[in-house]
PDB file of N, CA and C in Angstrom:
ATOM      1  N   MET A   1      82.789 165.464  93.839  1.00  0.00           N
ATOM      2  CA  MET A   1      82.460 164.889  92.140  1.00  0.00           C
ATOM      3  C   MET A   1      83.194 163.602  92.113  1.00  0.00           C
ATOM      4  N   SER A   2      82.283 162.320  92.257  1.00  0.00           N
ATOM      5  CA  SER A   2      82.761 161.193  91.849  1.00  0.00           C
ATOM      6  C   SER A   2      82.774 160.712  90.492  1.00  0.00           C
ATOM      7  N   THR A   3      83.677 159.741  90.068  1.00  0.00           N
ATOM      8  CA  THR A   3      83.828 159.313  88.733  1.00  0.00           C
ATOM      9  C   THR A   3      83.487 157.843  88.991  1.00  0.00           C
ATOM     10  N   ALA A   4      83.064 157.637  87.749  1.00  0.00           N
ATOM     11  CA  ALA A   4      82.770 155.780  87.390  1.00  0.00           C
ATOM     12  C   ALA A   4      83.800 155.313  86.873  1.00  0.00           C
ATOM     13  N   VAL A   5      84.447 154.550  87.506  1.00  0.00           N
ATOM     14  CA  VAL A   5      85.541 153.294  86.884  1.00  0.00           C
ATOM     15  C   VAL A   5      85.036 152.497  85.947  1.00  0.00           C
ATOM     16  N   GLU A   6      85.370 152.460  84.792  1.00  0.00           N
ATOM     17  CA  GLU A   6      85.168 151.189  84.262  1.00  0.00           C
ATOM     18  C   GLU A   6      86.012 150.016  84.327  1.00  0.00           C
ATOM     19  N   SER A   7      85.528 148.857  84.295  1.00  0.00           N
ATOM     20  CA  SER A   7      86.617 147.605  84.661  1.00  0.00           C
ATOM     21  C   SER A   7      86.159 146.528  83.945  1.00  0.00           C
ATOM     22  N   HIS A   8      87.160 146.098  83.440  1.00  0.00           N
ATOM     23  CA  HIS A   8      86.861 144.793  82.627  1.00  0.00           C
ATOM     24  C   HIS A   8      87.277 143.745  82.728  1.00  0.00           C
ATOM     25  N   VAL A   9      87.724 143.628  84.397  1.00  0.00           N
ATOM     26  CA  VAL A   9      87.650 142.165  84.965  1.00  0.00           C
ATOM     27  C   VAL A   9      87.048 141.097  84.708  1.00  0.00           C
ATOM     28  N   ARG A  10      87.119 139.874  84.265  1.00  0.00           N
ATOM     29  CA  ARG A  10      86.413 138.929  84.308  1.00  0.00           C
ATOM     30  C   ARG A  10      86.176 138.427  85.723  1.00  0.00           C
ATOM     31  N   PRO A  11      84.643 138.131  85.865  1.00  0.00           N
ATOM     32  CA  PRO A  11      83.980 137.661  87.332  1.00  0.00           C
ATOM     33  C   PRO A  11      85.124 136.512  87.849  1.00  0.00           C
ATOM     34  N   TRP A  12      85.167 136.244  89.273  1.00  0.00           N
ATOM     35  CA  TRP A  12      86.106 135.386  89.608  1.00  0.00           C
ATOM     36  C   TRP A  12      85.446 133.794  89.244  1.00  0.00           C
ATOM     37  N   GLY A  13      84.231 133.862  89.282  1.00  0.00           N
ATOM     38  CA  GLY A  13      83.164 132.654  88.863  1.00  0.00           C
ATOM     39  C   GLY A  13      83.392 132.227  87.782  1.00  0.00           C
ATOM     40  N   ALA A  14      83.668 133.152  86.637  1.00  0.00           N
ATOM     41  CA  ALA A  14      83.540 132.472  85.023  1.00  0.00           C
ATOM     42  C   ALA A  14      84.331 131.386  84.816  1.00  0.00           C
ATOM     43  N   ASP A  15      85.580 131.245  85.668  1.00  0.00           N
ATOM     44  CA  ASP A  15      86.284 130.129  85.161  1.00  0.00           C
ATOM     45  C   ASP A  15      85.797 128.728  85.924  1.00  0.00           C
ATOM     46  N   ARG A  16      84.953 128.701  86.772  1.00  0.00           N
ATOM     47  CA  ARG A  16      84.621 127.346  86.981  1.00  0.00           C
ATOM     48  C   ARG A  16      83.385 127.301  86.652  1.00  0.00           C
ATOM     49  N   LEU A  17      82.825 127.626  85.383  1.00  0.00           N
ATOM     50  CA  LEU A  17      81.789 127.327  85.102  1.00  0.00           C
ATOM     51  C   LEU A  17      82.218 125.981  83.523  1.00  0.00           C
ATOM     52  N   ALA A  18      81.039 124.854  83.608  1.00  0.00           N
ATOM     53  CA  ALA A  18      81.243 123.981  82.462  1.00  0.00           C
ATOM     54  C   ALA A  18      80.306 124.312  81.638  1.00  0.00           C
ATOM     55  N   PRO A  19      80.494 123.369  80.642  1.00  0.00           N
ATOM     56  CA  PRO A  19      79.327 123.320  79.676  1.00  0.00           C
ATOM     57  C   PRO A  19      78.183 122.017  80.673  1.00  0.00           C
ATOM     58  N   TYR A  20      76.871 122.186  80.005  1.00  0.00           N
ATOM     59  CA  TYR A  20      75.995 121.505  80.820  1.00  0.00           C
ATOM     60  C   TYR A  20      76.291 119.908  80.234  1.00  0.00           C
ATOM     61  N   PRO A  21      75.976 118.777  81.215  1.00  0.00           N
ATOM     62  CA  PRO A  21      76.144 117.396  80.830  1.00  0.00           C
ATOM     63  C   PRO A  21      74.805 117.294  79.532  1.00  0.00           C
ATOM     64  N   THR A  22      75.414 116.349  78.786  1.00  0.00           N
ATOM     65  CA  THR A  22      74.502 115.645  77.793  1.00  0.00           C
ATOM     66  C   THR A  22      72.853 115.330  78.753  1.00  0.00           C
ATOM     67  N   VAL A  23      71.885 115.991  78.004  1.00  0.00           N
ATOM     68  CA  VAL A  23      70.730 115.336  78.504  1.00  0.00           C
ATOM     69  C   VAL A  23      69.774 114.339  77.640  1.00  0.00           C
ATOM     70  N   THR A  24      69.326 113.603  78.459  1.00  0.00           N
ATOM     71  CA  THR A  24      68.583 112.726  77.783  1.00  0.00           C
ATOM     72  C   THR A  24      67.206 113.005  77.784  1.00  0.00           C
ATOM     73  N   HIS A  25      66.732 113.129  76.298  1.00  0.00           N
ATOM     74  CA  HIS A  25      65.028 113.678  76.299  1.00  0.00           C
ATOM     75  C   HIS A  25      64.361 112.300  76.534  1.00  0.00           C
ATOM     76  N   ARG A  26      63.441 112.181  77.474  1.00  0.00           N
ATOM     77  CA  ARG A  26      62.232 111.079  77.325  1.00  0.00           C
ATOM     78  C   ARG A  26      61.318 111.225  76.281  1.00  0.00           C
ATOM     79  N   PRO A  27      60.916 110.371  75.932  1.00  0.00           N
ATOM     80  CA  PRO A  27      59.468 110.373  75.125  1.00  0.00           C
ATOM     81  C   PRO A  27      58.425 110.480  75.506  1.00  0.00           C
ATOM     82  N   GLN A  28      58.031 110.936  76.828  1.00  0.00           N
ATOM     83  CA  GLN A  28      57.052 110.719  77.398  1.00  0.00           C
ATOM     84  C   GLN A  28      55.889 112.059  76.798  1.00  0.00           C
ATOM     85  N   VAL A  29      54.852 111.482  76.966  1.00  0.00           N
ATOM     86  CA  VAL A  29      53.816 112.350  75.833  1.00  0.00           C
ATOM     87  C   VAL A  29      52.715 112.690  76.937  1.00  0.00           C
ATOM     88  N   ALA A  30      52.138 111.954  78.205  1.00  0.00           N
ATOM     89  CA  ALA A  30      51.293 111.990  78.888  1.00  0.00           C
ATOM     90  C   ALA A  30      51.560 111.131  80.260  1.00  0.00           C
ATOM     91  N   VAL A  31      51.168 111.750  81.484  1.00  0.00           N
ATOM     92  CA  VAL A  31      51.206 110.957  82.475  1.00  0.00           C
ATOM     93  C   VAL A  31      49.775 110.901  82.970  1.00  0.00           C
ATOM     94  N   THR A  32      49.305 109.793  83.526  1.00  0.00           N
ATOM     95  CA  THR A  32      47.957 109.298  83.801  1.00  0.00           C
ATOM     96  C   THR A  32      47.769 108.985  85.352  1.00  0.00           C
ATOM     97  N   LEU A  33      46.938 108.773  86.444  1.00  0.00           N
ATOM     98  CA  LEU A  33      47.186 108.459  87.466  1.00  0.00           C
ATOM     99  C   LEU A  33      46.357 106.809  87.728  1.00  0.00           C
ATOM    100  N   ASP A  34      47.026 105.753  88.112  1.00  0.00           N
ATOM    101  CA  ASP A  34      46.613 104.379  88.121  1.00  0.00           C
ATOM    102  C   ASP A  34      45.574 104.300  89.455  1.00  0.00           C
ATOM    103  N   PRO A  35      44.534 104.059  89.416  1.00  0.00           N
ATOM    104  CA  PRO A  35      43.624 104.182  90.265  1.00  0.00           C
ATOM    105  C   PRO A  35      43.846 103.334  91.448  1.00  0.00           C
ATOM    106  N   ASP A  36      44.318 102.127  91.331  1.00  0.00           N
ATOM    107  CA  ASP A  36      44.878 101.032  92.522  1.00  0.00           C
ATOM    108  C   ASP A  36      45.854 101.298  92.707  1.00  0.00           C
ATOM    109  N   THR A  37      46.912 101.793  92.413  1.00  0.00           N
ATOM    110  CA  THR A  37      48.137 101.786  92.917  1.00  0.00           C
ATOM    111  C   THR A  37      48.585 103.444  93.225  1.00  0.00           C
ATOM    112  N   GLN A  38      47.932 104.486  92.901  1.00  0.00           N
ATOM    113  CA  GLN A  38      47.952 105.999  92.954  1.00  0.00           C
ATOM    114  C   GLN A  38      49.076 106.425  92.686  1.00  0.00           C
ATOM    115  N   LEU A  39      50.057 105.824  91.405  1.00  0.00           N
ATOM    116  CA  LEU A  39      51.366 106.128  90.920  1.00  0.00           C
ATOM    117  C   LEU A  39      50.940 106.654  89.541  1.00  0.00           C
ATOM    118  N   GLY A  40      52.026 107.540  89.166  1.00  0.00           N
ATOM    119  CA  GLY A  40      51.590 108.196  87.630  1.00  0.00           C
ATOM    120  C   GLY A  40      52.171 106.972  86.730  1.00  0.00           C
ATOM    121  N   VAL A  41      51.378 107.101  85.287  1.00  0.00           N
ATOM    122  CA  VAL A  41      51.742 106.177  84.200  1.00  0.00           C
ATOM    123  C   VAL A  41      52.262 106.818  83.346  1.00  0.00           C
ATOM    124  N   PHE A  42      53.462 106.966  82.648  1.00  0.00           N
ATOM    125  CA  PHE A  42      54.183 107.681  81.754  1.00  0.00           C
ATOM    126  C   PHE A  42      53.963 106.761  80.445  1.00  0.00           C
ATOM    127  N   THR A  43      53.443 107.311  79.286  1.00  0.00           N
ATOM    128  CA  THR A  43      53.251 106.776  78.226  1.00  0.00           C
ATOM    129  C   THR A  43      53.296 107.605  77.027  1.00  0.00           C
ATOM    130  N   ASP A  44      53.810 106.860  75.791  1.00  0.00           N
ATOM    131  CA  ASP A  44      54.794 107.766  74.914  1.00  0.00           C
ATOM    132  C   ASP A  44      53.718 108.063  74.009  1.00  0.00           C
ATOM    133  N   HIS A  45      54.452 108.329  72.447  1.00  0.00           N
ATOM    134  CA  HIS A  45      53.301 109.354  71.883  1.00  0.00           C
ATOM    135  C   HIS A  45      52.245 107.937  71.003  1.00  0.00           C
ATOM    136  N   THR A  46      52.779 106.500  71.462  1.00  0.00           N
ATOM    137  CA  THR A  46      52.059 105.205  70.772  1.00  0.00           C
ATOM    138  C   THR A  46      51.137 104.794  71.961  1.00  0.00           C
ATOM    139  N   GLY A  47      50.874 105.127  72.826  1.00  0.00           N
ATOM    140  CA  GLY A  47      50.465 104.806  74.177  1.00  0.00           C
ATOM    141  C   GLY A  47      51.186 103.878  75.197  1.00  0.00           C
ATOM    142  N   THR A  48      52.216 103.617  74.722  1.00  0.00           N
ATOM    143  CA  THR A  48      53.286 102.498  75.366  1.00  0.00           C
ATOM    144  C   THR A  48      53.698 103.060  76.686  1.00  0.00           C
ATOM    145  N   VAL A  49      53.364 101.988  77.446  1.00  0.00           N
ATOM    146  CA  VAL A  49      53.798 102.621  78.861  1.00  0.00           C
ATOM    147  C   VAL A  49      55.163 102.456  79.067  1.00  0.00           C
ATOM    148  N   ILE A  50      56.064 103.898  79.427  1.00  0.00           N
ATOM    149  CA  ILE A  50      57.248 104.024  79.657  1.00  0.00           C
ATOM    150  C   ILE A  50      57.914 104.041  81.040  1.00  0.00           C
ATOM    151  N   GLU A  51      58.910 103.738  81.372  1.00  0.00           N
ATOM    152  CA  GLU A  51      59.582 103.148  82.631  1.00  0.00           C
ATOM    153  C   GLU A  51      60.491 104.736  82.806  1.00  0.00           C
ATOM    154  N   MET A  52      59.977 105.627  84.127  1.00  0.00           N
ATOM    155  CA  MET A  52      60.582 107.032  84.237  1.00  0.00           C
ATOM    156  C   MET A  52      62.015 106.710  85.298  1.00  0.00           C
ATOM    157  N   GLY A  53      61.848 105.746  85.471  1.00  0.00           N
ATOM    158  CA  GLY A  53      63.150 105.444  86.618  1.00  0.00           C
ATOM    159  C   GLY A  53      62.489 105.203  87.985  1.00  0.00           C
ATOM    160  N   LYS A  54      63.476 104.473  88.947  1.00  0.00           N
ATOM    161  CA  LYS A  54      62.825 104.325  90.357  1.00  0.00           C
ATOM    162  C   LYS A  54      63.051 105.691  90.857  1.00  0.00           C
ATOM    163  N   HIS A  55      62.430 105.534  92.111  1.00  0.00           N
ATOM    164  CA  HIS A  55      62.366 107.059  92.913  1.00  0.00           C
ATOM    165  C   HIS A  55      62.463 106.416  94.268  1.00  0.00           C
ATOM    166  N   GLY A  56      63.310 106.365  95.156  1.00  0.00           N
ATOM    167  CA  GLY A  56      63.319 105.734  96.662  1.00  0.00           C
ATOM    168  C   GLY A  56      62.931 106.956  97.827  1.00  0.00           C
ATOM    169  N   THR A  57      62.432 106.503  98.859  1.00  0.00           N
ATOM    170  CA  THR A  57      61.965 107.301 100.022  1.00  0.00           C
ATOM    171  C   THR A  57      62.754 107.045 101.144  1.00  0.00           C
ATOM    172  N   SER A  58      62.937 108.313 101.879  1.00  0.00           N
ATOM    173  CA  SER A  58      63.736 107.921 102.889  1.00  0.00           C
ATOM    174  C   SER A  58      63.151 108.503 104.481  1.00  0.00           C
ATOM    175  N   LYS A  59      63.454 107.970 105.612  1.00  0.00           N
ATOM    176  CA  LYS A  59      62.757 108.658 107.204  1.00  0.00           C
ATOM    177  C   LYS A  59      63.740 108.605 108.035  1.00  0.00           C
ATOM    178  N   GLY A  60      64.002 109.568 108.607  1.00  0.00           N
ATOM    179  CA  GLY A  60      64.939 109.965 109.725  1.00  0.00           C
ATOM    180  C   GLY A  60      64.775 110.287 111.102  1.00  0.00           C
ATOM    181  N   THR A  61      65.042 109.738 112.010  1.00  0.00           N
ATOM    182  CA  THR A  61      64.677 109.670 113.264  1.00  0.00           C
ATOM    183  C   THR A  61      65.790 110.178 114.016  1.00  0.00           C
ATOM    184  N   GLU A  62      65.686 111.070 115.242  1.00  0.00           N
ATOM    185  CA  GLU A  62      66.405 111.941 116.238  1.00  0.00           C
ATOM    186  C   GLU A  62      65.997 111.331 117.424  1.00  0.00           C
ATOM    187  N   THR A  63      67.071 111.160 118.267  1.00  0.00           N
ATOM    188  CA  THR A  63      67.286 110.881 119.787  1.00  0.00           C
ATOM    189  C   THR A  63      67.932 111.755 120.950  1.00  0.00           C
ATOM    190  N   LYS A  64      67.032 112.417 121.377  1.00  0.00           N
ATOM    191  CA  LYS A  64      67.964 113.481 122.090  1.00  0.00           C
ATOM    192  C   LYS A  64      68.299 112.716 123.491  1.00  0.00           C
ATOM    193  N   THR A  65      69.302 112.562 124.027  1.00  0.00           N
ATOM    194  CA  THR A  65      69.836 111.564 125.417  1.00  0.00           C
ATOM    195  C   THR A  65      70.179 112.915 126.553  1.00  0.00           C
ATOM    196  N   VAL A  66      69.893 112.877 127.654  1.00  0.00           N
ATOM    197  CA  VAL A  66      70.277 113.568 128.784  1.00  0.00           C
ATOM    198  C   VAL A  66      70.816 112.642 130.040  1.00  0.00           C
ATOM    199  N   THR A  67      72.488 112.595 130.140  1.00  0.00           N
ATOM    200  CA  THR A  67      72.774 112.037 131.287  1.00  0.00           C
ATOM    201  C   THR A  67      73.254 112.312 132.690  1.00  0.00           C
ATOM    202  N   ASN A  68      72.651 113.845 132.628  1.00  0.00           N
ATOM    203  CA  ASN A  68      72.970 114.251 133.940  1.00  0.00           C
ATOM    204  C   ASN A  68      71.922 115.388 134.220  1.00  0.00           C
ATOM    205  N   SER A  69      70.582 115.255 134.709  1.00  0.00           N
ATOM    206  CA  SER A  69      69.730 116.016 134.973  1.00  0.00           C
ATOM    207  C   SER A  69      69.624 116.799 136.035  1.00  0.00           C
ATOM    208  N   ASP A  70      70.379 116.565 137.220  1.00  0.00           N
ATOM    209  CA  ASP A  70      70.755 117.412 138.055  1.00  0.00           C
ATOM    210  C   ASP A  70      71.300 118.815 138.359  1.00  0.00           C
ATOM    211  N   SER A  71      72.679 118.828 137.650  1.00  0.00           N
ATOM    212  CA  SER A  71      72.958 120.190 137.656  1.00  0.00           C
ATOM    213  C   SER A  71      73.547 120.717 136.402  1.00  0.00           C
ATOM    214  N   ALA A  72      74.443 120.027 135.750  1.00  0.00           N
ATOM    215  CA  ALA A  72      74.691 120.662 134.536  1.00  0.00           C
ATOM    216  C   ALA A  72      74.605 119.596 133.258  1.00  0.00           C
ATOM    217  N   PRO A  73      73.336 119.537 132.511  1.00  0.00           N
ATOM    218  CA  PRO A  73      72.959 118.437 131.928  1.00  0.00           C
ATOM    219  C   PRO A  73      74.196 118.081 131.122  1.00  0.00           C
ATOM    220  N   ASP A  74      74.563 117.110 130.738  1.00  0.00           N
ATOM    221  CA  ASP A  74      75.080 116.837 129.441  1.00  0.00           C
ATOM    222  C   ASP A  74      74.038 116.103 128.265  1.00  0.00           C
ATOM    223  N   GLN A  75      74.120 116.484 127.369  1.00  0.00           N
ATOM    224  CA  GLN A  75      73.361 116.531 126.155  1.00  0.00           C
ATOM    225  C   GLN A  75      73.796 115.971 125.104  1.00  0.00           C
ATOM    226  N   GLY A  76      73.280 114.790 123.993  1.00  0.00           N
ATOM    227  CA  GLY A  76      73.962 114.245 123.187  1.00  0.00           C
ATOM    228  C   GLY A  76      72.713 114.053 122.181  1.00  0.00           C
ATOM    229  N   HIS A  77      72.933 113.446 120.926  1.00  0.00           N
ATOM    230  CA  HIS A  77      71.601 112.872 120.522  1.00  0.00           C
ATOM    231  C   HIS A  77      72.227 111.729 119.543  1.00  0.00           C
ATOM    232  N   ASP A  78      71.080 110.898 118.897  1.00  0.00           N
ATOM    233  CA  ASP A  78      71.415 109.932 118.159  1.00  0.00           C
ATOM    234  C   ASP A  78      70.475 109.821 116.859  1.00  0.00           C
ATOM    235  N   GLN A  79      71.016 109.856 115.651  1.00  0.00           N
ATOM    236  CA  GLN A  79      70.480 109.769 114.762  1.00  0.00           C
ATOM    237  C   GLN A  79      70.638 108.547 113.818  1.00  0.00           C
ATOM    238  N   ASP A  80      69.097 108.182 113.220  1.00  0.00           N
ATOM    239  CA  ASP A  80      69.010 107.099 112.418  1.00  0.00           C
ATOM    240  C   ASP A  80      68.289 107.187 110.832  1.00  0.00           C
ATOM    241  N   ALA A  81      68.844 106.652 109.961  1.00  0.00           N
ATOM    242  CA  ALA A  81      68.185 106.747 108.529  1.00  0.00           C
ATOM    243  C   ALA A  81      67.999 105.410 108.120  1.00  0.00           C
ATOM    244  N   GLU A  82      66.801 105.687 107.777  1.00  0.00           N
ATOM    245  CA  GLU A  82      66.079 104.469 106.845  1.00  0.00           C
ATOM    246  C   GLU A  82      65.553 104.830 105.413  1.00  0.00           C
ATOM    247  N   GLN A  83      66.190 103.988 104.269  1.00  0.00           N
ATOM    248  CA  GLN A  83      65.735 104.070 102.708  1.00  0.00           C
ATOM    249  C   GLN A  83      65.649 103.036 102.090  1.00  0.00           C
ATOM    250  N   ASP A  84      64.624 102.981 101.383  1.00  0.00           N
ATOM    251  CA  ASP A  84      64.304 102.256 100.588  1.00  0.00           C
ATOM    252  C   ASP A  84      64.469 102.573  98.790  1.00  0.00           C
TER     253      ASP A  84
END
């Protein structure tokens, strides 16, 4: 016979919770595609184009190196990142 034990212990992660930060609502109503640039154009309720912020792109490369190819290879690698 097993008995269920009720526990009213507060979960350990509950003390780590914090209120959400203030949210800024953007008045975006529609997004269309500019045929020349292939970028989204955001407009508000009056049809005025609004800026939605900049987004960057990044590219990473990795090169493996081997310094001793006959008996016990000593391998390493080199990493490179590029962001705009």
